Each structure stands twice: as C-alpha cells, then as structure tokens.
C-alpha cells in the first residue's frame, strides 16, 4: 500500500462532508414532513424490505443498525403516531410484522422523489471525487 498523502485526507474529508450534508438535508426534509429522521428511516426500511411479506422488528433492527429493544420502542412510537401497524404473520402467529399505514405511504410519496434526486447528485459528486482520488494515486 502506498503512503497516504494530504490529498487522500482531503478526498476523505470531502466524501464525509458530502455524506453528512445529505444526512442533514434528509433530516430537515423529514422534519418538514412531520417526521423525525429516524421515523423516516423506519418507513423507508419497511417500504424497501424485499419480498412479499412485511418486515419483522428483527429485520428492521438490522436495516437501522439498532438493538432490538430500540427498534421495538421506535415501532411503538410509530404506531402511536399512526404511521405503522403490527400484523401477525399469516404462516406463523408467533411472528409479528410491521406494515405502513396510508399516512406513512403519503409521507413517503412526498419525500422520496427529492431524496432520489439528491442521491443522484451525491453519487455524481462521489464519483468525481473517486476519479480525482484515482488520478492522484498515480
């Protein structure tokens, strides 16, 4: 491995700053839509869960990188806010799944287009950064 340069750290700083700016922007967008940023992440995790079954709390804990009990508390608050509901698994009554409500679907529909646009801009910026970093390494 080559020796790290000041340029390497400048590129790393630019990368981390870009990610943090996106995160802050996303938090502001969620707040404007009446959600906390964590609620928004929860709703995206539910909506984006693969397969034809809604996710379990365990699935959501993995997506959100949280401990199980923290996710249970988040889901409890989201239920109280009318954003999600718990449903029993059709095949195994011991399994509880989490579904979005119509209110959550509307909030996601309002937030997602701008988030996708911002992600495309972020990806472009990061690709340019990586290209510059690759040129600097030579």
N, C-alpha and C. Protein backbone atom coordinates (compact mmCIF):
# COMPACT_ATOMS: atom_id res chain seq x y z
N UNK A 1 0.85 -1.17 0.00
CA UNK A 1 0.00 0.00 0.00
C UNK A 1 0.89 1.24 0.00
N UNK A 2 0.51 2.23 -0.77
CA UNK A 2 1.29 3.45 -0.86
C UNK A 2 1.12 4.29 0.40
N UNK A 3 2.00 5.22 0.60
CA UNK A 3 1.91 6.12 1.74
C UNK A 3 0.76 7.10 1.53
N UNK A 4 0.01 7.35 2.57
CA UNK A 4 -1.12 8.27 2.49
C UNK A 4 -0.62 9.71 2.38
N UNK A 5 -1.32 10.48 1.57
CA UNK A 5 -0.93 11.86 1.33
C UNK A 5 -1.98 12.81 1.90
N UNK A 6 -1.62 14.08 1.90
CA UNK A 6 -2.57 15.10 2.33
C UNK A 6 -3.79 15.10 1.41
N UNK A 7 -3.59 14.87 0.10
CA UNK A 7 -4.71 14.79 -0.84
C UNK A 7 -5.67 13.66 -0.47
N UNK A 8 -5.14 12.54 -0.01
CA UNK A 8 -6.01 11.43 0.42
C UNK A 8 -6.95 11.89 1.52
N UNK A 9 -6.41 12.64 2.46
CA UNK A 9 -7.24 13.11 3.57
C UNK A 9 -8.21 14.20 3.12
N UNK A 10 -7.82 15.00 2.16
CA UNK A 10 -8.75 15.99 1.61
C UNK A 10 -9.91 15.29 0.92
N UNK A 11 -9.61 14.22 0.17
CA UNK A 11 -10.68 13.47 -0.50
C UNK A 11 -11.60 12.79 0.51
N UNK A 12 -11.00 12.24 1.56
CA UNK A 12 -11.80 11.61 2.60
C UNK A 12 -12.69 12.63 3.30
N UNK A 13 -12.14 13.80 3.58
CA UNK A 13 -12.94 14.86 4.19
C UNK A 13 -14.09 15.27 3.27
N UNK A 14 -13.81 15.43 1.98
CA UNK A 14 -14.86 15.81 1.04
C UNK A 14 -15.96 14.75 0.98
N UNK A 15 -15.56 13.49 0.99
CA UNK A 15 -16.52 12.39 0.99
C UNK A 15 -17.41 12.43 2.24
N UNK A 16 -16.77 12.53 3.39
CA UNK A 16 -17.52 12.52 4.65
C UNK A 16 -18.42 13.75 4.76
N UNK A 17 -17.94 14.89 4.29
CA UNK A 17 -18.74 16.10 4.32
C UNK A 17 -19.96 15.97 3.41
N UNK A 18 -19.76 15.38 2.24
CA UNK A 18 -20.89 15.17 1.31
C UNK A 18 -21.95 14.28 1.94
N UNK A 19 -21.51 13.21 2.57
CA UNK A 19 -22.46 12.30 3.22
C UNK A 19 -23.19 13.01 4.35
N UNK A 20 -22.48 13.79 5.14
CA UNK A 20 -23.11 14.48 6.26
C UNK A 20 -24.09 15.54 5.78
N UNK A 21 -23.75 16.23 4.68
CA UNK A 21 -24.67 17.23 4.12
C UNK A 21 -25.96 16.56 3.66
N UNK A 22 -25.82 15.39 3.02
CA UNK A 22 -27.02 14.67 2.60
C UNK A 22 -27.84 14.28 3.83
N UNK A 23 -27.17 13.77 4.85
CA UNK A 23 -27.88 13.35 6.05
C UNK A 23 -28.63 14.52 6.68
N UNK A 24 -27.98 15.66 6.80
CA UNK A 24 -28.62 16.84 7.39
C UNK A 24 -29.80 17.29 6.54
N UNK A 25 -29.60 17.31 5.22
CA UNK A 25 -30.68 17.70 4.31
C UNK A 25 -31.86 16.75 4.50
N UNK A 26 -31.60 15.47 4.56
CA UNK A 26 -32.64 14.46 4.71
C UNK A 26 -33.38 14.64 6.03
N UNK A 27 -32.66 14.92 7.10
CA UNK A 27 -33.28 15.17 8.40
C UNK A 27 -34.22 16.37 8.32
N UNK A 28 -33.77 17.43 7.67
CA UNK A 28 -34.60 18.63 7.51
C UNK A 28 -35.86 18.33 6.70
N UNK A 29 -35.73 17.54 5.65
CA UNK A 29 -36.87 17.18 4.83
C UNK A 29 -37.88 16.36 5.63
N UNK A 30 -37.39 15.41 6.41
CA UNK A 30 -38.28 14.58 7.24
C UNK A 30 -39.02 15.46 8.25
N UNK A 31 -38.30 16.36 8.90
CA UNK A 31 -38.93 17.24 9.88
C UNK A 31 -40.02 18.10 9.23
N UNK A 32 -39.74 18.59 8.02
CA UNK A 32 -40.73 19.41 7.32
C UNK A 32 -41.98 18.61 6.98
N UNK A 33 -41.83 17.29 6.84
CA UNK A 33 -42.97 16.41 6.53
C UNK A 33 -43.64 15.88 7.79
N UNK A 34 -43.19 16.34 8.95
CA UNK A 34 -43.81 15.92 10.20
C UNK A 34 -43.28 14.62 10.76
N UNK A 35 -42.07 14.24 10.34
CA UNK A 35 -41.44 13.01 10.82
C UNK A 35 -40.10 13.32 11.46
N UNK A 36 -39.69 12.48 12.38
CA UNK A 36 -38.29 12.55 12.81
C UNK A 36 -37.47 11.84 11.74
N UNK A 37 -36.17 12.10 11.73
CA UNK A 37 -35.34 11.43 10.72
C UNK A 37 -35.32 9.92 10.95
N UNK A 38 -35.43 9.48 12.20
CA UNK A 38 -35.43 8.05 12.48
C UNK A 38 -36.75 7.42 12.03
N UNK A 39 -37.85 8.14 12.18
CA UNK A 39 -39.12 7.63 11.66
C UNK A 39 -39.05 7.49 10.15
N UNK A 40 -38.44 8.47 9.49
CA UNK A 40 -38.31 8.39 8.04
C UNK A 40 -37.48 7.17 7.65
N UNK A 41 -36.38 6.95 8.35
CA UNK A 41 -35.57 5.77 8.07
C UNK A 41 -36.36 4.48 8.29
N UNK A 42 -37.17 4.46 9.34
CA UNK A 42 -38.01 3.29 9.61
C UNK A 42 -38.98 3.05 8.45
N UNK A 43 -39.63 4.10 7.99
CA UNK A 43 -40.61 3.94 6.90
C UNK A 43 -39.93 3.47 5.62
N UNK A 44 -38.75 3.99 5.33
CA UNK A 44 -38.01 3.55 4.15
C UNK A 44 -37.62 2.08 4.30
N UNK A 45 -37.20 1.68 5.50
CA UNK A 45 -36.82 0.30 5.74
C UNK A 45 -38.01 -0.65 5.53
N UNK A 46 -39.19 -0.23 5.97
CA UNK A 46 -40.38 -1.07 5.78
C UNK A 46 -40.74 -1.14 4.30
N UNK A 47 -40.78 0.01 3.66
CA UNK A 47 -41.18 0.07 2.24
C UNK A 47 -40.17 -0.65 1.35
N UNK A 48 -38.89 -0.54 1.70
CA UNK A 48 -37.84 -1.13 0.86
C UNK A 48 -37.54 -2.59 1.17
N UNK A 49 -38.18 -3.14 2.18
CA UNK A 49 -37.94 -4.55 2.55
C UNK A 49 -38.25 -5.46 1.38
N UNK A 50 -37.31 -6.35 1.03
CA UNK A 50 -37.56 -7.25 -0.11
C UNK A 50 -38.58 -8.34 0.22
N UNK A 51 -39.16 -8.87 -0.81
CA UNK A 51 -40.10 -9.98 -0.64
C UNK A 51 -41.53 -9.50 -0.56
N UNK A 52 -42.42 -10.46 -0.41
CA UNK A 52 -43.84 -10.12 -0.41
C UNK A 52 -44.43 -10.03 1.00
N UNK A 53 -43.62 -10.27 2.02
CA UNK A 53 -44.07 -10.16 3.40
C UNK A 53 -43.49 -8.89 4.02
N UNK A 54 -44.26 -8.20 4.85
CA UNK A 54 -43.69 -7.05 5.56
C UNK A 54 -42.55 -7.50 6.48
N UNK A 55 -41.67 -6.58 6.85
CA UNK A 55 -40.53 -6.96 7.69
C UNK A 55 -40.95 -7.23 9.14
N UNK A 56 -40.11 -7.97 9.83
CA UNK A 56 -40.26 -8.16 11.27
C UNK A 56 -39.46 -7.06 11.97
N UNK A 57 -39.64 -6.93 13.27
CA UNK A 57 -38.85 -5.98 14.03
C UNK A 57 -37.37 -6.35 13.93
N UNK A 58 -37.07 -7.63 13.90
CA UNK A 58 -35.68 -8.07 13.75
C UNK A 58 -35.09 -7.62 12.42
N UNK A 59 -35.88 -7.73 11.36
CA UNK A 59 -35.42 -7.24 10.05
C UNK A 59 -35.11 -5.75 10.14
N UNK A 60 -36.02 -5.01 10.75
CA UNK A 60 -35.87 -3.56 10.85
C UNK A 60 -34.66 -3.19 11.70
N UNK A 61 -34.42 -3.93 12.77
CA UNK A 61 -33.24 -3.69 13.60
C UNK A 61 -31.97 -3.80 12.76
N UNK A 62 -31.93 -4.79 11.89
CA UNK A 62 -30.77 -4.97 11.03
C UNK A 62 -30.60 -3.83 10.05
N UNK A 63 -31.67 -3.38 9.44
CA UNK A 63 -31.60 -2.28 8.47
C UNK A 63 -31.17 -0.98 9.15
N UNK A 64 -31.68 -0.75 10.35
CA UNK A 64 -31.44 0.51 11.05
C UNK A 64 -30.17 0.47 11.92
N UNK A 65 -29.55 -0.70 11.99
CA UNK A 65 -28.35 -0.89 12.81
C UNK A 65 -28.61 -0.50 14.27
N UNK A 66 -29.73 -1.03 14.77
CA UNK A 66 -30.14 -0.75 16.15
C UNK A 66 -30.30 -2.06 16.91
N UNK A 67 -30.26 -1.94 18.22
CA UNK A 67 -30.59 -3.09 19.06
C UNK A 67 -32.09 -3.34 18.96
N UNK A 68 -32.47 -4.58 19.17
CA UNK A 68 -33.87 -4.99 19.03
C UNK A 68 -34.79 -4.13 19.89
N UNK A 69 -34.43 -3.93 21.14
CA UNK A 69 -35.33 -3.18 22.04
C UNK A 69 -35.49 -1.73 21.59
N UNK A 70 -34.45 -1.15 20.99
CA UNK A 70 -34.56 0.22 20.48
C UNK A 70 -35.53 0.28 19.31
N UNK A 71 -35.49 -0.75 18.46
CA UNK A 71 -36.41 -0.80 17.33
C UNK A 71 -37.84 -1.02 17.80
N UNK A 72 -38.02 -1.84 18.83
CA UNK A 72 -39.36 -2.04 19.40
C UNK A 72 -39.92 -0.70 19.87
N UNK A 73 -39.10 0.09 20.55
CA UNK A 73 -39.55 1.40 21.04
C UNK A 73 -39.87 2.33 19.87
N UNK A 74 -39.05 2.30 18.83
CA UNK A 74 -39.30 3.13 17.65
C UNK A 74 -40.62 2.73 16.99
N UNK A 75 -40.85 1.44 16.85
CA UNK A 75 -42.10 0.95 16.26
C UNK A 75 -43.28 1.34 17.15
N UNK A 76 -43.12 1.22 18.46
CA UNK A 76 -44.20 1.64 19.38
C UNK A 76 -44.57 3.11 19.13
N UNK A 77 -43.57 3.97 19.02
CA UNK A 77 -43.84 5.40 18.79
C UNK A 77 -44.47 5.62 17.42
N UNK A 78 -44.04 4.85 16.42
CA UNK A 78 -44.60 4.98 15.07
C UNK A 78 -46.06 4.50 15.05
N UNK A 79 -46.37 3.46 15.82
CA UNK A 79 -47.76 3.00 15.94
C UNK A 79 -48.59 4.12 16.57
N UNK A 80 -48.10 4.71 17.64
CA UNK A 80 -48.82 5.79 18.32
C UNK A 80 -49.04 6.99 17.41
N UNK A 81 -48.10 7.22 16.48
CA UNK A 81 -48.21 8.35 15.55
C UNK A 81 -49.07 8.01 14.33
N UNK A 82 -49.55 6.77 14.25
CA UNK A 82 -50.40 6.37 13.12
C UNK A 82 -49.64 6.08 11.85
N UNK A 83 -48.34 5.79 11.97
CA UNK A 83 -47.51 5.56 10.78
C UNK A 83 -47.40 4.09 10.40
N UNK A 84 -47.44 3.22 11.38
CA UNK A 84 -47.30 1.78 11.12
C UNK A 84 -48.29 1.02 11.98
N UNK A 85 -48.46 -0.24 11.62
CA UNK A 85 -49.26 -1.14 12.46
C UNK A 85 -48.58 -2.50 12.47
N UNK A 86 -48.79 -3.19 13.55
CA UNK A 86 -48.26 -4.56 13.67
C UNK A 86 -49.31 -5.53 13.17
N UNK A 87 -48.85 -6.56 12.46
CA UNK A 87 -49.74 -7.61 11.98
C UNK A 87 -49.10 -8.96 12.25
N UNK A 88 -49.91 -9.94 12.54
CA UNK A 88 -49.40 -11.30 12.73
C UNK A 88 -49.06 -11.91 11.39
N UNK A 89 -48.01 -12.68 11.38
CA UNK A 89 -47.61 -13.41 10.18
C UNK A 89 -48.69 -14.44 9.85
N UNK A 90 -49.05 -14.53 8.58
CA UNK A 90 -50.11 -15.45 8.16
C UNK A 90 -49.71 -16.91 8.38
N UNK A 91 -48.42 -17.22 8.30
CA UNK A 91 -47.96 -18.60 8.43
C UNK A 91 -47.51 -18.98 9.83
N UNK A 92 -47.16 -17.99 10.64
CA UNK A 92 -46.66 -18.27 11.98
C UNK A 92 -47.14 -17.15 12.90
N UNK A 93 -48.15 -17.44 13.67
CA UNK A 93 -48.76 -16.45 14.55
C UNK A 93 -47.82 -15.87 15.60
N UNK A 94 -46.68 -16.53 15.83
CA UNK A 94 -45.72 -16.01 16.80
C UNK A 94 -44.91 -14.85 16.23
N UNK A 95 -44.90 -14.74 14.90
CA UNK A 95 -44.11 -13.71 14.23
C UNK A 95 -44.97 -12.48 14.00
N UNK A 96 -44.42 -11.33 14.38
CA UNK A 96 -45.11 -10.05 14.19
C UNK A 96 -44.38 -9.28 13.10
N UNK A 97 -45.16 -8.77 12.17
CA UNK A 97 -44.62 -7.99 11.07
C UNK A 97 -45.09 -6.54 11.21
N UNK A 98 -44.41 -5.63 10.53
CA UNK A 98 -44.73 -4.21 10.63
C UNK A 98 -45.09 -3.68 9.26
N UNK A 99 -46.28 -3.07 9.16
CA UNK A 99 -46.77 -2.54 7.88
C UNK A 99 -46.96 -1.03 7.98
N UNK A 100 -46.84 -0.39 6.84
CA UNK A 100 -47.09 1.05 6.76
C UNK A 100 -48.59 1.32 6.72
N UNK A 101 -48.98 2.44 7.28
CA UNK A 101 -50.36 2.91 7.16
C UNK A 101 -50.45 3.80 5.92
N UNK A 102 -51.67 4.19 5.57
CA UNK A 102 -51.88 5.09 4.44
C UNK A 102 -51.18 6.43 4.68
N UNK A 103 -51.19 6.90 5.93
CA UNK A 103 -50.50 8.15 6.27
C UNK A 103 -49.00 8.04 5.97
N UNK A 104 -48.39 6.94 6.37
CA UNK A 104 -46.96 6.74 6.10
C UNK A 104 -46.68 6.65 4.60
N UNK A 105 -47.55 5.99 3.88
CA UNK A 105 -47.39 5.88 2.42
C UNK A 105 -47.41 7.28 1.79
N UNK A 106 -48.31 8.14 2.25
CA UNK A 106 -48.38 9.50 1.71
C UNK A 106 -47.12 10.30 2.04
N UNK A 107 -46.64 10.16 3.27
CA UNK A 107 -45.43 10.89 3.66
C UNK A 107 -44.23 10.42 2.84
N UNK A 108 -44.13 9.12 2.63
CA UNK A 108 -43.02 8.60 1.82
C UNK A 108 -43.13 9.06 0.37
N UNK A 109 -44.34 9.06 -0.16
CA UNK A 109 -44.54 9.50 -1.55
C UNK A 109 -44.13 10.97 -1.71
N UNK A 110 -44.32 11.76 -0.66
CA UNK A 110 -43.94 13.17 -0.71
C UNK A 110 -42.43 13.36 -0.57
N UNK A 111 -41.78 12.51 0.20
CA UNK A 111 -40.35 12.68 0.49
C UNK A 111 -39.42 12.01 -0.52
N UNK A 112 -39.83 10.91 -1.08
CA UNK A 112 -38.91 10.07 -1.84
C UNK A 112 -38.39 10.67 -3.14
N UNK A 113 -39.20 11.33 -3.97
CA UNK A 113 -38.64 11.87 -5.22
C UNK A 113 -37.46 12.82 -5.00
N UNK A 114 -37.57 13.72 -4.05
CA UNK A 114 -36.46 14.65 -3.78
C UNK A 114 -35.25 13.90 -3.23
N UNK A 115 -35.48 12.87 -2.43
CA UNK A 115 -34.36 12.09 -1.90
C UNK A 115 -33.63 11.35 -3.03
N UNK A 116 -34.37 10.79 -3.95
CA UNK A 116 -33.72 10.11 -5.07
C UNK A 116 -32.91 11.09 -5.92
N UNK A 117 -33.45 12.27 -6.12
CA UNK A 117 -32.73 13.30 -6.88
C UNK A 117 -31.44 13.69 -6.15
N UNK A 118 -31.53 13.90 -4.85
CA UNK A 118 -30.34 14.25 -4.07
C UNK A 118 -29.31 13.12 -4.08
N UNK A 119 -29.78 11.87 -4.03
CA UNK A 119 -28.85 10.74 -4.08
C UNK A 119 -28.12 10.68 -5.41
N UNK A 120 -28.80 11.00 -6.50
CA UNK A 120 -28.14 11.03 -7.80
C UNK A 120 -27.07 12.12 -7.84
N UNK A 121 -27.36 13.27 -7.26
CA UNK A 121 -26.37 14.34 -7.18
C UNK A 121 -25.20 13.93 -6.30
N UNK A 122 -25.48 13.28 -5.19
CA UNK A 122 -24.43 12.81 -4.29
C UNK A 122 -23.57 11.76 -4.99
N UNK A 123 -24.20 10.84 -5.71
CA UNK A 123 -23.44 9.81 -6.42
C UNK A 123 -22.52 10.44 -7.47
N UNK A 124 -23.03 11.42 -8.18
CA UNK A 124 -22.21 12.10 -9.18
C UNK A 124 -21.01 12.77 -8.50
N UNK A 125 -21.25 13.45 -7.41
CA UNK A 125 -20.18 14.12 -6.68
C UNK A 125 -19.16 13.11 -6.17
N UNK A 126 -19.62 12.01 -5.62
CA UNK A 126 -18.71 10.99 -5.09
C UNK A 126 -17.93 10.31 -6.21
N UNK A 127 -18.56 10.08 -7.35
CA UNK A 127 -17.85 9.51 -8.49
C UNK A 127 -16.74 10.43 -8.96
N UNK A 128 -17.01 11.73 -9.00
CA UNK A 128 -15.99 12.70 -9.39
C UNK A 128 -14.84 12.69 -8.38
N UNK A 129 -15.18 12.61 -7.11
CA UNK A 129 -14.19 12.57 -6.05
C UNK A 129 -13.31 11.33 -6.19
N UNK A 130 -13.92 10.19 -6.44
CA UNK A 130 -13.16 8.95 -6.61
C UNK A 130 -12.25 9.02 -7.84
N UNK A 131 -12.76 9.61 -8.89
CA UNK A 131 -11.95 9.75 -10.11
C UNK A 131 -10.72 10.62 -9.83
N UNK A 132 -10.92 11.73 -9.12
CA UNK A 132 -9.78 12.59 -8.76
C UNK A 132 -8.81 11.85 -7.85
N UNK A 133 -9.34 11.11 -6.91
CA UNK A 133 -8.50 10.36 -5.97
C UNK A 133 -7.68 9.31 -6.72
N UNK A 134 -8.29 8.66 -7.70
CA UNK A 134 -7.57 7.66 -8.51
C UNK A 134 -6.46 8.29 -9.31
N UNK A 135 -6.71 9.48 -9.85
CA UNK A 135 -5.65 10.19 -10.62
C UNK A 135 -4.51 10.60 -9.70
N UNK A 136 -4.86 11.02 -8.48
CA UNK A 136 -3.83 11.47 -7.53
C UNK A 136 -2.94 10.32 -7.07
N UNK A 137 -3.48 9.09 -7.08
CA UNK A 137 -2.71 7.95 -6.61
C UNK A 137 -1.62 7.53 -7.58
N UNK A 138 -1.73 7.98 -8.81
CA UNK A 138 -0.75 7.56 -9.83
C UNK A 138 0.46 8.42 -9.82
